């Protein structure tokens, strides 16, 4: 696996997801899979993309570690993310790195 540096990975993923719009936050509805080192956890929807990360909509009672991975068809690499905040089924994450498969 090839791992990009944090800044490079985050900027590339955000550029792809935000489709180069100039707005600070871009509404989206990309589907994604939440993964940990133990494997698949649940599906999610990426509802918002900003210059610092993403907002996820998760199933009720989803318990995630501070760091986990997101895989979406919108980006060929797996995104390593860090939990920034959570409010019910909505969670904000920061993209740390991208990992090429």
Protein backbone atom coordinates (compact mmCIF):
# COMPACT_ATOMS: atom_id res chain seq x y z
CA UNK A 1 0.00 0.00 0.00
CA UNK A 2 1.20 3.50 -0.82
CA UNK A 3 0.37 6.16 1.75
CA UNK A 4 0.26 9.87 0.90
CA UNK A 5 1.31 12.61 3.31
CA UNK A 6 -1.54 14.09 5.42
CA UNK A 7 -1.79 17.41 3.60
CA UNK A 8 -1.53 15.88 0.15
CA UNK A 9 -4.12 13.18 0.87
CA UNK A 10 -6.65 15.48 2.49
CA UNK A 11 -6.41 18.10 -0.24
CA UNK A 12 -6.71 15.53 -3.03
CA UNK A 13 -9.75 13.86 -1.49
CA UNK A 14 -11.45 17.17 -0.75
CA UNK A 15 -10.75 18.39 -4.26
CA UNK A 16 -12.34 15.27 -5.73
CA UNK A 17 -15.32 15.28 -3.37
CA UNK A 18 -15.98 19.01 -3.57
CA UNK A 19 -15.66 19.01 -7.37
CA UNK A 20 -13.51 22.14 -7.21
CA UNK A 21 -16.24 24.48 -5.96
CA UNK A 22 -15.06 27.61 -4.18
CA UNK A 23 -17.59 27.37 -1.33
CA UNK A 24 -16.18 26.49 2.06
CA UNK A 25 -18.82 23.81 2.59
CA UNK A 26 -20.31 21.71 -0.17
CA UNK A 27 -23.42 19.62 0.38
CA UNK A 28 -23.08 16.10 -0.97
CA UNK A 29 -24.72 12.70 -0.81
CA UNK A 30 -21.87 10.27 -1.49
CA UNK A 31 -22.31 6.76 -0.10
CA UNK A 32 -19.47 5.32 1.93
CA UNK A 33 -18.36 2.36 3.98
CA UNK A 34 -16.92 2.78 7.47
CA UNK A 35 -14.01 0.43 8.19
CA UNK A 36 -11.77 -0.26 11.17
CA UNK A 37 -8.74 -2.52 11.44
CA UNK A 38 -11.24 -5.28 12.28
CA UNK A 39 -13.13 -4.78 8.99
CA UNK A 40 -16.48 -3.36 7.86
CA UNK A 41 -18.53 -1.51 10.50
CA UNK A 42 -21.43 0.15 8.65
CA UNK A 43 -22.53 2.22 5.69
CA UNK A 44 -22.59 6.02 5.89
CA UNK A 45 -23.54 9.02 3.77
CA UNK A 46 -21.03 11.85 3.28
CA UNK A 47 -23.40 14.81 3.60
CA UNK A 48 -20.98 17.73 3.63
CA UNK A 49 -17.42 18.38 2.46
CA UNK A 50 -15.32 21.35 3.60
CA UNK A 51 -11.71 22.44 3.35
CA UNK A 52 -10.94 20.63 6.61
CA UNK A 53 -12.93 17.37 6.39
CA UNK A 54 -16.34 15.83 5.96
CA UNK A 55 -19.66 15.39 7.72
CA UNK A 56 -21.07 11.87 7.91
CA UNK A 57 -24.56 10.55 8.53
CA UNK A 58 -24.34 7.23 10.38
CA UNK A 59 -26.83 4.60 11.55
CA UNK A 60 -28.17 4.97 15.11
CA UNK A 61 -26.00 3.58 17.92
CA UNK A 62 -22.85 3.37 15.78
CA UNK A 63 -19.84 3.25 18.09
CA UNK A 64 -16.61 4.21 16.33
CA UNK A 65 -13.03 4.63 17.54
CA UNK A 66 -11.30 8.02 17.31
CA UNK A 67 -9.60 6.97 14.05
CA UNK A 68 -11.14 4.83 11.32
CA UNK A 69 -11.37 4.57 7.53
CA UNK A 70 -13.92 5.64 4.91
CA UNK A 71 -14.19 4.04 1.48
CA UNK A 72 -16.39 5.69 -1.15
CA UNK A 73 -16.75 5.19 -4.91
CA UNK A 74 -16.12 8.95 -5.29
CA UNK A 75 -12.43 8.50 -4.34
CA UNK A 76 -10.28 5.56 -5.44
CA UNK A 77 -8.20 5.58 -2.25
CA UNK A 78 -9.33 4.68 1.27
CA UNK A 79 -9.46 7.74 3.54
CA UNK A 80 -7.98 7.48 7.03
CA UNK A 81 -10.04 9.87 9.15
CA UNK A 82 -10.13 11.19 12.71
CA UNK A 83 -13.34 11.95 14.60
CA UNK A 84 -13.65 15.71 15.20
CA UNK A 85 -17.15 15.86 16.74
CA UNK A 86 -20.37 13.88 16.97
CA UNK A 87 -24.01 14.80 17.59
CA UNK A 88 -26.39 11.85 17.47
CA UNK A 89 -26.11 10.16 14.08
CA UNK A 90 -24.08 13.04 12.56
CA UNK A 91 -20.28 13.08 12.83
CA UNK A 92 -17.58 15.42 11.60
CA UNK A 93 -14.24 13.93 10.58
CA UNK A 94 -10.85 15.21 9.48
CA UNK A 95 -9.10 13.41 6.61
CA UNK A 96 -5.65 12.40 7.86
CA UNK A 97 -4.26 10.42 4.89
CA UNK A 98 -5.25 8.53 1.76
CA UNK A 99 -4.15 4.95 1.18
CA UNK A 100 -3.97 3.60 -2.37
CA UNK A 101 -5.23 0.06 -2.78
